[in-house]
Amino acid sequence: MNIQKVLSQWGEFSWSAGSEFFIETKIGNFIWYNPLLGGTNIIHPISLTLKEYIKGEGGFVRGKGKHCIREYCGENIIFKGDYLNESIQKF
């Protein structure tokens, strides 16, 4: 997985509570912790579907629309996971 490919993906963003966002993309699903809401700015892959994720969140998430990951999360997000394990710096 290429980090630039992840940053350029468009995804459906859903907010559950606190700083956690679920992002559905064509290449997979991710969780991102928004630093503006007290999160760590980490993004990581998740194998759950949105429907499965919602069940774990007590049945509620709020849709936040479709956005490009780079534009919505910024380029300084920190990638964690099996294939995403490096921090992005501004170009």
N, C-alpha and C. Protein backbone atom coordinates (compact mmCIF):
# COMPACT_ATOMS: atom_id res chain seq x y z
N MET A 1 0.86 -1.19 0.00
CA MET A 1 0.00 0.00 0.00
C MET A 1 0.89 1.24 0.00
N ASN A 2 0.61 2.12 -0.90
CA ASN A 2 1.36 3.36 -1.05
C ASN A 2 0.67 4.47 -0.24
N ILE A 3 1.42 5.13 0.61
CA ILE A 3 0.85 6.17 1.47
C ILE A 3 0.22 7.30 0.66
N GLN A 4 0.86 7.67 -0.43
CA GLN A 4 0.30 8.73 -1.27
C GLN A 4 -1.05 8.30 -1.85
N LYS A 5 -1.18 7.00 -2.14
CA LYS A 5 -2.45 6.48 -2.65
C LYS A 5 -3.54 6.62 -1.59
N VAL A 6 -3.21 6.32 -0.34
CA VAL A 6 -4.19 6.46 0.75
C VAL A 6 -4.58 7.92 0.91
N LEU A 7 -3.60 8.82 0.93
CA LEU A 7 -3.91 10.25 1.10
C LEU A 7 -4.79 10.79 -0.02
N SER A 8 -4.66 10.23 -1.22
CA SER A 8 -5.43 10.75 -2.35
C SER A 8 -6.82 10.10 -2.48
N GLN A 9 -7.13 9.15 -1.61
CA GLN A 9 -8.44 8.48 -1.68
C GLN A 9 -9.57 9.39 -1.23
N TRP A 10 -10.69 9.22 -1.90
CA TRP A 10 -11.93 9.86 -1.45
C TRP A 10 -12.67 8.83 -0.62
N GLY A 11 -13.24 9.27 0.49
CA GLY A 11 -13.94 8.35 1.36
C GLY A 11 -15.15 8.99 2.00
N GLU A 12 -16.05 8.12 2.42
CA GLU A 12 -17.22 8.55 3.19
C GLU A 12 -16.82 8.59 4.66
N PHE A 13 -16.89 9.76 5.27
CA PHE A 13 -16.50 9.95 6.66
C PHE A 13 -17.72 9.84 7.56
N SER A 14 -17.59 9.08 8.63
CA SER A 14 -18.65 8.97 9.65
C SER A 14 -18.02 9.21 11.01
N TRP A 15 -18.66 10.03 11.82
CA TRP A 15 -18.15 10.38 13.15
C TRP A 15 -18.98 9.64 14.19
N SER A 16 -18.31 8.99 15.12
CA SER A 16 -19.06 8.25 16.14
C SER A 16 -19.15 9.05 17.44
N ALA A 17 -18.04 9.28 18.08
CA ALA A 17 -18.02 10.04 19.33
C ALA A 17 -16.59 10.44 19.59
N GLY A 18 -16.41 11.46 20.39
CA GLY A 18 -15.04 11.90 20.68
C GLY A 18 -14.32 12.32 19.42
N SER A 19 -13.16 11.74 19.18
CA SER A 19 -12.34 12.15 18.04
C SER A 19 -12.32 11.11 16.91
N GLU A 20 -13.09 10.04 17.03
CA GLU A 20 -12.98 8.91 16.11
C GLU A 20 -13.89 9.05 14.88
N PHE A 21 -13.27 8.86 13.70
CA PHE A 21 -13.98 8.87 12.44
C PHE A 21 -13.75 7.55 11.72
N PHE A 22 -14.80 6.98 11.14
CA PHE A 22 -14.72 5.81 10.29
C PHE A 22 -14.70 6.32 8.85
N ILE A 23 -13.76 5.82 8.03
CA ILE A 23 -13.63 6.27 6.65
C ILE A 23 -13.74 5.06 5.72
N GLU A 24 -14.73 5.07 4.83
CA GLU A 24 -14.89 4.02 3.82
C GLU A 24 -14.29 4.49 2.51
N THR A 25 -13.34 3.72 1.95
CA THR A 25 -12.76 4.06 0.65
C THR A 25 -12.80 2.84 -0.26
N LYS A 26 -12.44 3.04 -1.50
CA LYS A 26 -12.40 1.93 -2.47
C LYS A 26 -11.28 0.94 -2.17
N ILE A 27 -10.25 1.38 -1.44
CA ILE A 27 -9.11 0.49 -1.16
C ILE A 27 -9.16 -0.11 0.24
N GLY A 28 -10.18 0.22 1.02
CA GLY A 28 -10.33 -0.31 2.37
C GLY A 28 -10.89 0.73 3.31
N ASN A 29 -11.14 0.31 4.52
CA ASN A 29 -11.72 1.18 5.54
C ASN A 29 -10.67 1.55 6.58
N PHE A 30 -10.84 2.74 7.16
CA PHE A 30 -9.86 3.28 8.10
C PHE A 30 -10.56 3.93 9.28
N ILE A 31 -9.83 4.02 10.39
CA ILE A 31 -10.23 4.83 11.54
C ILE A 31 -9.22 5.95 11.66
N TRP A 32 -9.72 7.16 11.86
CA TRP A 32 -8.85 8.33 12.05
C TRP A 32 -9.28 9.04 13.32
N TYR A 33 -8.29 9.47 14.12
CA TYR A 33 -8.53 10.18 15.37
C TYR A 33 -8.20 11.65 15.17
N ASN A 34 -9.22 12.46 15.00
CA ASN A 34 -9.11 13.88 14.67
C ASN A 34 -8.47 14.68 15.81
N PRO A 35 -7.30 15.32 15.56
CA PRO A 35 -6.63 16.07 16.63
C PRO A 35 -7.40 17.32 17.06
N LEU A 36 -8.26 17.84 16.19
CA LEU A 36 -9.06 19.01 16.57
C LEU A 36 -10.11 18.66 17.62
N LEU A 37 -10.36 17.35 17.78
CA LEU A 37 -11.33 16.89 18.77
C LEU A 37 -10.64 16.12 19.90
N GLY A 38 -9.33 16.34 20.05
CA GLY A 38 -8.58 15.68 21.11
C GLY A 38 -7.93 14.36 20.73
N GLY A 39 -7.97 14.01 19.46
CA GLY A 39 -7.39 12.75 18.99
C GLY A 39 -5.90 12.84 18.74
N THR A 40 -5.32 11.73 18.35
CA THR A 40 -3.87 11.59 18.17
C THR A 40 -3.40 11.86 16.74
N ASN A 41 -4.31 12.07 15.80
CA ASN A 41 -4.02 12.25 14.38
C ASN A 41 -3.52 10.96 13.73
N ILE A 42 -3.79 9.82 14.36
CA ILE A 42 -3.43 8.52 13.81
C ILE A 42 -4.56 8.03 12.92
N ILE A 43 -4.18 7.41 11.79
CA ILE A 43 -5.13 6.73 10.92
C ILE A 43 -4.63 5.30 10.77
N HIS A 44 -5.55 4.35 10.83
CA HIS A 44 -5.16 2.95 10.67
C HIS A 44 -6.25 2.18 9.94
N PRO A 45 -5.85 1.12 9.23
CA PRO A 45 -6.84 0.31 8.53
C PRO A 45 -7.69 -0.47 9.53
N ILE A 46 -8.91 -0.78 9.11
CA ILE A 46 -9.82 -1.57 9.94
C ILE A 46 -10.56 -2.53 9.01
N SER A 47 -10.74 -3.74 9.46
CA SER A 47 -11.37 -4.76 8.60
C SER A 47 -12.89 -4.75 8.69
N LEU A 48 -13.46 -3.97 9.57
CA LEU A 48 -14.91 -3.91 9.73
C LEU A 48 -15.58 -3.12 8.61
N THR A 49 -16.80 -3.48 8.31
CA THR A 49 -17.64 -2.65 7.45
C THR A 49 -18.25 -1.56 8.32
N LEU A 50 -18.85 -0.56 7.69
CA LEU A 50 -19.50 0.50 8.47
C LEU A 50 -20.62 -0.09 9.32
N LYS A 51 -21.38 -1.01 8.77
CA LYS A 51 -22.48 -1.63 9.51
C LYS A 51 -21.96 -2.35 10.76
N GLU A 52 -20.85 -3.08 10.63
CA GLU A 52 -20.27 -3.78 11.78
C GLU A 52 -19.73 -2.77 12.80
N TYR A 53 -19.11 -1.72 12.31
CA TYR A 53 -18.56 -0.68 13.18
C TYR A 53 -19.67 0.01 13.99
N ILE A 54 -20.77 0.31 13.32
CA ILE A 54 -21.90 0.98 13.98
C ILE A 54 -22.44 0.13 15.14
N LYS A 55 -22.50 -1.18 14.94
CA LYS A 55 -22.97 -2.07 16.02
C LYS A 55 -22.11 -1.91 17.26
N GLY A 56 -20.80 -1.79 17.07
CA GLY A 56 -19.87 -1.63 18.19
C GLY A 56 -19.93 -0.26 18.82
N GLU A 57 -20.51 0.70 18.13
CA GLU A 57 -20.62 2.07 18.64
C GLU A 57 -21.99 2.35 19.22
N GLY A 58 -22.74 1.32 19.52
CA GLY A 58 -24.06 1.51 20.12
C GLY A 58 -25.13 1.90 19.12
N GLY A 59 -24.88 1.64 17.84
CA GLY A 59 -25.89 1.89 16.82
C GLY A 59 -25.97 3.30 16.31
N PHE A 60 -24.97 4.14 16.61
CA PHE A 60 -25.07 5.54 16.16
C PHE A 60 -23.74 6.05 15.62
N VAL A 61 -23.78 6.59 14.43
CA VAL A 61 -22.70 7.42 13.88
C VAL A 61 -23.36 8.51 13.05
N ARG A 62 -22.65 9.60 12.85
CA ARG A 62 -23.18 10.71 12.07
C ARG A 62 -22.35 10.85 10.81
N GLY A 63 -23.00 10.80 9.64
CA GLY A 63 -22.32 10.97 8.37
C GLY A 63 -21.76 12.37 8.23
N LYS A 64 -20.53 12.47 7.79
CA LYS A 64 -19.87 13.77 7.61
C LYS A 64 -19.52 14.05 6.15
N GLY A 65 -20.02 13.22 5.25
CA GLY A 65 -19.84 13.48 3.82
C GLY A 65 -18.63 12.79 3.21
N LYS A 66 -18.50 13.02 1.91
CA LYS A 66 -17.41 12.43 1.14
C LYS A 66 -16.30 13.47 0.98
N HIS A 67 -15.07 13.06 1.33
CA HIS A 67 -13.93 13.98 1.29
C HIS A 67 -12.69 13.23 0.83
N CYS A 68 -11.73 13.97 0.31
CA CYS A 68 -10.40 13.43 0.03
C CYS A 68 -9.67 13.36 1.38
N ILE A 69 -9.03 12.23 1.68
CA ILE A 69 -8.35 12.07 2.97
C ILE A 69 -7.32 13.17 3.18
N ARG A 70 -6.52 13.48 2.16
CA ARG A 70 -5.49 14.53 2.28
C ARG A 70 -6.11 15.87 2.64
N GLU A 71 -7.24 16.20 2.02
CA GLU A 71 -7.85 17.51 2.26
C GLU A 71 -8.58 17.58 3.60
N TYR A 72 -9.18 16.48 4.03
CA TYR A 72 -9.95 16.50 5.27
C TYR A 72 -9.07 16.27 6.50
N CYS A 73 -8.11 15.37 6.39
CA CYS A 73 -7.26 15.00 7.53
C CYS A 73 -5.93 15.74 7.55
N GLY A 74 -5.51 16.27 6.41
CA GLY A 74 -4.21 16.91 6.31
C GLY A 74 -3.12 15.92 5.94
N GLU A 75 -1.94 16.43 5.68
CA GLU A 75 -0.84 15.57 5.25
C GLU A 75 0.05 15.11 6.40
N ASN A 76 -0.20 15.59 7.60
CA ASN A 76 0.63 15.22 8.75
C ASN A 76 0.02 14.10 9.58
N ILE A 77 -0.93 13.36 9.01
CA ILE A 77 -1.50 12.24 9.75
C ILE A 77 -0.46 11.16 9.94
N ILE A 78 -0.62 10.38 10.99
CA ILE A 78 0.31 9.31 11.34
C ILE A 78 -0.34 7.98 11.00
N PHE A 79 0.30 7.21 10.14
CA PHE A 79 -0.23 5.92 9.71
C PHE A 79 0.25 4.81 10.63
N LYS A 80 -0.66 3.95 11.04
CA LYS A 80 -0.33 2.77 11.84
C LYS A 80 -1.02 1.57 11.21
N GLY A 81 -0.43 0.40 11.37
CA GLY A 81 -1.05 -0.81 10.86
C GLY A 81 -0.06 -1.68 10.14
N ASP A 82 -0.53 -2.76 9.58
CA ASP A 82 0.32 -3.74 8.91
C ASP A 82 1.11 -3.13 7.77
N TYR A 83 0.48 -2.28 6.98
CA TYR A 83 1.17 -1.73 5.82
C TYR A 83 1.31 -0.22 5.87
N LEU A 84 0.80 0.39 6.89
CA LEU A 84 0.87 1.85 7.03
C LEU A 84 1.57 2.16 8.35
N ASN A 85 2.85 2.45 8.31
CA ASN A 85 3.55 2.63 9.57
C ASN A 85 4.54 3.77 9.55
N GLU A 86 4.29 4.77 8.73
CA GLU A 86 5.18 5.92 8.73
C GLU A 86 4.40 7.21 8.79
N SER A 87 5.01 8.24 9.31
CA SER A 87 4.39 9.54 9.44
C SER A 87 4.61 10.34 8.15
N ILE A 88 3.64 11.10 7.77
CA ILE A 88 3.72 11.94 6.57
C ILE A 88 4.16 13.33 6.99
N GLN A 89 5.10 13.88 6.31
CA GLN A 89 5.53 15.26 6.53
C GLN A 89 5.06 16.10 5.35
N LYS A 90 4.90 17.38 5.57
CA LYS A 90 4.49 18.27 4.47
C LYS A 90 5.52 18.26 3.36
N PHE A 91 5.05 18.33 2.15
CA PHE A 91 5.95 18.23 0.98
C PHE A 91 6.58 19.55 0.66
